[in-house]
Amino acid sequence: MEPRGMKKWRPFATIPEQYIELQEIRNKQAEVAQPVLTEEQMEQINFTLIEALALLNTCQSRR
C-alpha cells in the first residue's frame, strides 16, 4: 500500500463548475462602471491622445 502523499488543498474549487462560477463572481466584482463624460471631457481626452501620438511619432522619426 502506497502513502497518499501531500495533496494540494483547494478549498473553494473542489468541483470544476464551482470554480467557474466563483471565477465569474470575482470577475463581476472587479468590473468598473464606465464614467459618464461630458462632450468637453471627451474632447479634452481626444486632444491629449492626439498630442501624445504626435509626440511619439516625432520621437520615433528622430531615430
Protein backbone atom coordinates (compact mmCIF):
# COMPACT_ATOMS: atom_id res chain seq x y z
CA MET A 1 0.00 0.00 0.00
CA GLU A 2 1.43 3.36 -1.08
CA PRO A 3 1.08 6.51 1.06
CA ARG A 4 -1.22 9.18 -0.31
CA GLY A 5 1.47 11.83 -0.13
CA MET A 6 0.79 15.53 0.08
CA LYS A 7 -2.38 16.69 -1.68
CA LYS A 8 -2.77 20.31 -2.68
CA TRP A 9 -5.64 21.89 -0.77
CA ARG A 10 -8.12 23.86 -2.90
CA PRO A 11 -10.88 24.91 -0.51
CA PHE A 12 -13.12 26.79 -2.95
CA ALA A 13 -12.54 24.85 -6.14
CA THR A 14 -13.42 21.27 -5.30
CA ILE A 15 -15.83 20.95 -8.24
CA PRO A 16 -14.92 22.38 -11.69
CA GLU A 17 -18.34 24.02 -12.06
CA GLN A 18 -17.91 25.63 -8.67
CA TYR A 19 -14.53 27.04 -9.73
CA ILE A 20 -16.03 28.51 -12.92
CA GLU A 21 -18.88 30.17 -11.01
CA LEU A 22 -16.52 31.59 -8.39
CA GLN A 23 -14.27 32.97 -11.14
CA GLU A 24 -17.29 34.64 -12.77
CA ILE A 25 -18.28 36.18 -9.43
CA ARG A 26 -14.73 37.52 -8.93
CA ASN A 27 -14.70 38.96 -12.46
CA LYS A 28 -18.07 40.63 -11.91
CA GLN A 29 -16.89 42.17 -8.63
CA ALA A 30 -13.76 43.53 -10.35
CA GLU A 31 -15.76 45.33 -13.07
CA VAL A 32 -15.72 49.09 -13.00
CA ALA A 33 -18.63 51.03 -14.48
CA GLN A 34 -17.73 53.38 -17.32
CA PRO A 35 -17.96 57.02 -16.28
CA VAL A 36 -20.39 59.36 -17.97
CA LEU A 37 -18.33 62.02 -19.72
CA THR A 38 -19.41 65.39 -20.98
CA GLU A 39 -18.65 66.46 -24.54
CA GLU A 40 -15.93 68.78 -23.22
CA GLN A 41 -14.26 65.96 -21.25
CA MET A 42 -14.27 63.68 -24.30
CA GLU A 43 -12.72 66.43 -26.43
CA GLN A 44 -10.01 67.01 -23.81
CA ILE A 45 -9.19 63.28 -23.70
CA ASN A 46 -9.05 63.10 -27.51
CA PHE A 47 -6.82 66.17 -27.64
CA THR A 48 -4.45 64.66 -25.07
CA LEU A 49 -4.28 61.39 -27.02
CA ILE A 50 -3.60 63.20 -30.30
CA GLU A 51 -0.80 65.21 -28.67
CA ALA A 52 0.73 62.05 -27.18
CA LEU A 53 0.63 60.22 -30.52
CA ALA A 54 2.15 63.20 -32.30
CA LEU A 55 4.94 63.36 -29.73
CA LEU A 56 5.53 59.63 -30.04
CA ASN A 57 5.75 59.87 -33.84
CA THR A 58 8.18 62.78 -33.59
CA CYS A 59 10.42 60.85 -31.20
CA GLN A 60 10.40 57.75 -33.40
CA SER A 61 11.20 59.68 -36.56
CA ARG A 62 14.35 61.16 -34.94
CA ARG A 63 15.95 57.72 -34.55
